[in-house]
């Protein structure tokens, strides 16, 4: 009888030990998975930007910082927001991107900045960019405003698309 009790006690201890080891293993695995998820994600300067206006203001700020850094005597100036620019993120990603991906990310960035410039200029003077005379020939002010707003929306959508493409590439 005592032998049976010893065997049952040993099996119970082994079972409890296995449960403890399983719980510890599970906890360690969860921690490792969380760390891997955090470290594998790039800390994008602008990923949280969901609207075109956020993207535009971020890119304009980056370009202003870049111009200021280029014109100042100290090239090691600290950026005001301590975030790397989208352009910097593309450069940091270069080593793990294929040549085509890197080129596509840079191309999307350049197109995005061009479209931001176009948008700013169009907002200032839409008639200057009325190549098809749609505004001049519009029957009334309401239709003119609709044409202007449609053009602005189109440019904003393209900016958003370029931004999304960059994020997809460098992620």
Protein backbone atom coordinates (compact mmCIF):
# COMPACT_ATOMS: atom_id res chain seq x y z
CA UNK A 1 0.00 0.00 0.00
CA UNK A 2 2.80 2.36 0.90
CA UNK A 3 4.48 1.63 -2.45
CA UNK A 4 1.29 2.62 -4.24
CA UNK A 5 1.11 5.87 -2.26
CA UNK A 6 4.75 6.66 -3.19
CA UNK A 7 4.03 6.01 -6.86
CA UNK A 8 0.92 8.21 -6.76
CA UNK A 9 2.86 10.98 -4.96
CA UNK A 10 5.66 10.81 -7.55
CA UNK A 11 3.19 10.92 -10.43
CA UNK A 12 1.41 13.84 -8.78
CA UNK A 13 4.68 15.71 -8.35
CA UNK A 14 5.67 15.02 -11.95
CA UNK A 15 2.24 16.17 -13.14
CA UNK A 16 2.42 19.36 -11.08
CA UNK A 17 5.97 19.95 -12.33
CA UNK A 18 4.83 19.57 -15.93
CA UNK A 19 2.02 22.05 -15.35
CA UNK A 20 4.42 24.59 -13.83
CA UNK A 21 6.91 24.12 -16.69
CA UNK A 22 4.08 24.47 -19.24
CA UNK A 23 2.84 27.70 -17.65
CA UNK A 24 6.35 29.12 -17.50
CA UNK A 25 7.02 28.11 -21.11
CA UNK A 26 3.76 29.67 -22.23
CA UNK A 27 4.56 32.93 -20.41
CA UNK A 28 8.07 33.06 -21.82
CA UNK A 29 6.79 32.34 -25.33
CA UNK A 30 4.19 35.10 -25.06
CA UNK A 31 6.83 37.58 -23.91
CA UNK A 32 9.14 36.59 -26.75
CA UNK A 33 6.36 36.89 -29.32
CA UNK A 34 5.45 40.36 -28.06
CA UNK A 35 9.09 41.45 -28.19
CA UNK A 36 9.46 40.06 -31.71
CA UNK A 37 6.34 41.91 -32.86
CA UNK A 38 7.57 45.15 -31.39
CA UNK A 39 11.10 44.86 -32.69
CA UNK A 40 10.10 43.70 -36.15
CA UNK A 41 7.91 46.73 -36.71
CA UNK A 42 9.66 49.81 -37.99
CA UNK A 43 9.02 52.89 -35.93
CA UNK A 44 7.65 55.01 -38.74
CA UNK A 45 7.65 58.74 -38.34
CA UNK A 46 4.27 59.03 -40.00
CA UNK A 47 2.51 55.68 -39.78
CA UNK A 48 -0.08 57.06 -37.43
CA UNK A 49 -1.05 59.69 -39.97
CA UNK A 50 -4.41 58.80 -41.35
CA UNK A 51 -5.47 61.94 -43.16
CA UNK A 52 -3.99 63.66 -46.14
CA UNK A 53 -3.68 66.88 -44.17
CA UNK A 54 -1.53 65.06 -41.59
CA UNK A 55 0.66 63.63 -44.34
CA UNK A 56 0.99 67.00 -46.07
CA UNK A 57 1.92 68.84 -42.90
CA UNK A 58 4.45 66.11 -41.96
CA UNK A 59 6.13 66.22 -45.38
CA UNK A 60 6.17 70.02 -45.41
CA UNK A 61 7.74 70.02 -41.95
CA UNK A 62 10.33 67.47 -43.08
CA UNK A 63 11.18 69.56 -46.14
CA UNK A 64 11.46 72.72 -44.02
CA UNK A 65 13.73 70.89 -41.56
CA UNK A 66 15.82 69.62 -44.43
CA UNK A 67 16.14 73.12 -45.93
CA UNK A 68 17.02 74.59 -42.54
CA UNK A 69 19.61 71.86 -41.89
CA UNK A 70 21.15 72.41 -45.33
CA UNK A 71 21.36 76.16 -44.84
CA UNK A 72 22.74 76.01 -41.29
CA UNK A 73 26.42 75.63 -40.59
CA UNK A 74 25.88 72.63 -38.32
CA UNK A 75 24.55 69.61 -40.21
CA UNK A 76 24.01 67.70 -36.96
CA UNK A 77 21.04 69.80 -35.89
CA UNK A 78 18.45 67.90 -33.92
CA UNK A 79 15.08 67.65 -35.56
CA UNK A 80 12.39 69.53 -33.71
CA UNK A 81 10.09 66.53 -33.37
CA UNK A 82 12.82 63.90 -32.78
CA UNK A 83 11.16 61.67 -35.36
CA UNK A 84 12.96 60.46 -38.44
CA UNK A 85 11.47 61.79 -41.64
CA UNK A 86 9.76 59.52 -44.12
CA UNK A 87 12.74 60.08 -46.41
CA UNK A 88 15.03 58.91 -43.57
CA UNK A 89 12.83 55.85 -43.04
CA UNK A 90 13.21 54.96 -46.71
CA UNK A 91 16.99 55.31 -46.43
CA UNK A 92 17.09 53.18 -43.26
CA UNK A 93 15.09 50.48 -45.05
CA UNK A 94 17.45 50.42 -48.05
CA UNK A 95 19.57 47.55 -46.72
CA UNK A 96 16.64 45.16 -46.42
CA UNK A 97 14.79 46.21 -49.58
CA UNK A 98 15.46 44.95 -53.05
CA UNK A 99 16.84 47.47 -55.50
CA UNK A 100 13.42 47.72 -57.17
CA UNK A 101 11.59 48.24 -53.87
CA UNK A 102 14.00 50.95 -52.78
CA UNK A 103 13.69 52.68 -56.14
CA UNK A 104 9.88 52.43 -55.98
CA UNK A 105 9.79 53.89 -52.46
CA UNK A 106 11.99 56.83 -53.51
CA UNK A 107 9.93 57.35 -56.65
CA UNK A 108 6.68 57.34 -54.65
CA UNK A 109 8.20 59.82 -52.21
CA UNK A 110 9.27 62.16 -55.02
CA UNK A 111 5.87 61.94 -56.69
CA UNK A 112 4.18 62.59 -53.36
CA UNK A 113 6.22 65.74 -52.75
CA UNK A 114 5.53 66.91 -56.30
CA UNK A 115 1.82 66.43 -55.78
CA UNK A 116 1.95 68.28 -52.47
CA UNK A 117 3.56 71.20 -54.31
CA UNK A 118 0.93 71.00 -57.05
CA UNK A 119 -1.83 70.96 -54.47
CA UNK A 120 -0.46 73.99 -52.61
CA UNK A 121 -0.08 75.95 -55.84
CA UNK A 122 -3.53 74.93 -57.07
CA UNK A 123 -5.14 75.99 -53.80
CA UNK A 124 -3.48 79.41 -54.07
CA UNK A 125 -4.58 80.05 -57.66
CA UNK A 126 -6.77 77.43 -59.35
CA UNK A 127 -7.26 79.59 -62.45
CA UNK A 128 -3.55 79.49 -63.22
CA UNK A 129 -3.81 75.70 -63.59
CA UNK A 130 -7.07 75.70 -65.55
CA UNK A 131 -5.47 74.11 -68.63
CA UNK A 132 -8.78 72.89 -70.06
CA UNK A 133 -10.63 76.14 -69.29
CA UNK A 134 -13.13 74.25 -67.16
CA UNK A 135 -13.23 76.97 -64.53
CA UNK A 136 -13.43 79.83 -67.02
CA UNK A 137 -16.25 78.14 -68.91
CA UNK A 138 -18.20 76.98 -65.86
CA UNK A 139 -21.77 78.32 -65.97
CA UNK A 140 -21.80 79.49 -62.34
CA UNK A 141 -19.77 79.86 -59.15
CA UNK A 142 -21.23 76.71 -57.62
CA UNK A 143 -19.94 74.55 -60.45
CA UNK A 144 -16.58 76.34 -60.33
CA UNK A 145 -16.26 75.49 -56.65
CA UNK A 146 -17.22 71.88 -57.35
CA UNK A 147 -14.53 71.66 -60.06
CA UNK A 148 -11.93 73.13 -57.70
CA UNK A 149 -12.92 70.82 -54.86
CA UNK A 150 -12.86 67.78 -57.17
CA UNK A 151 -9.33 68.65 -58.34
CA UNK A 152 -8.17 69.16 -54.75
CA UNK A 153 -9.73 65.83 -53.71
CA UNK A 154 -8.06 64.09 -56.64
CA UNK A 155 -4.62 65.43 -55.71
CA UNK A 156 -5.16 64.53 -52.04
CA UNK A 157 -6.17 60.99 -53.01
CA UNK A 158 -3.01 60.61 -55.08
CA UNK A 159 -0.88 61.90 -52.18
CA UNK A 160 -2.54 59.37 -49.86
CA UNK A 161 -1.92 56.59 -52.40
CA UNK A 162 1.78 57.47 -52.75
CA UNK A 163 2.11 57.52 -48.96
CA UNK A 164 0.35 54.16 -48.57
CA UNK A 165 2.58 52.65 -51.25
CA UNK A 166 5.69 53.84 -49.42
CA UNK A 167 4.51 52.39 -46.12
CA UNK A 168 3.69 49.05 -47.78
CA UNK A 169 7.12 48.91 -49.38
CA UNK A 170 9.23 49.78 -46.34
CA UNK A 171 7.19 47.91 -43.75
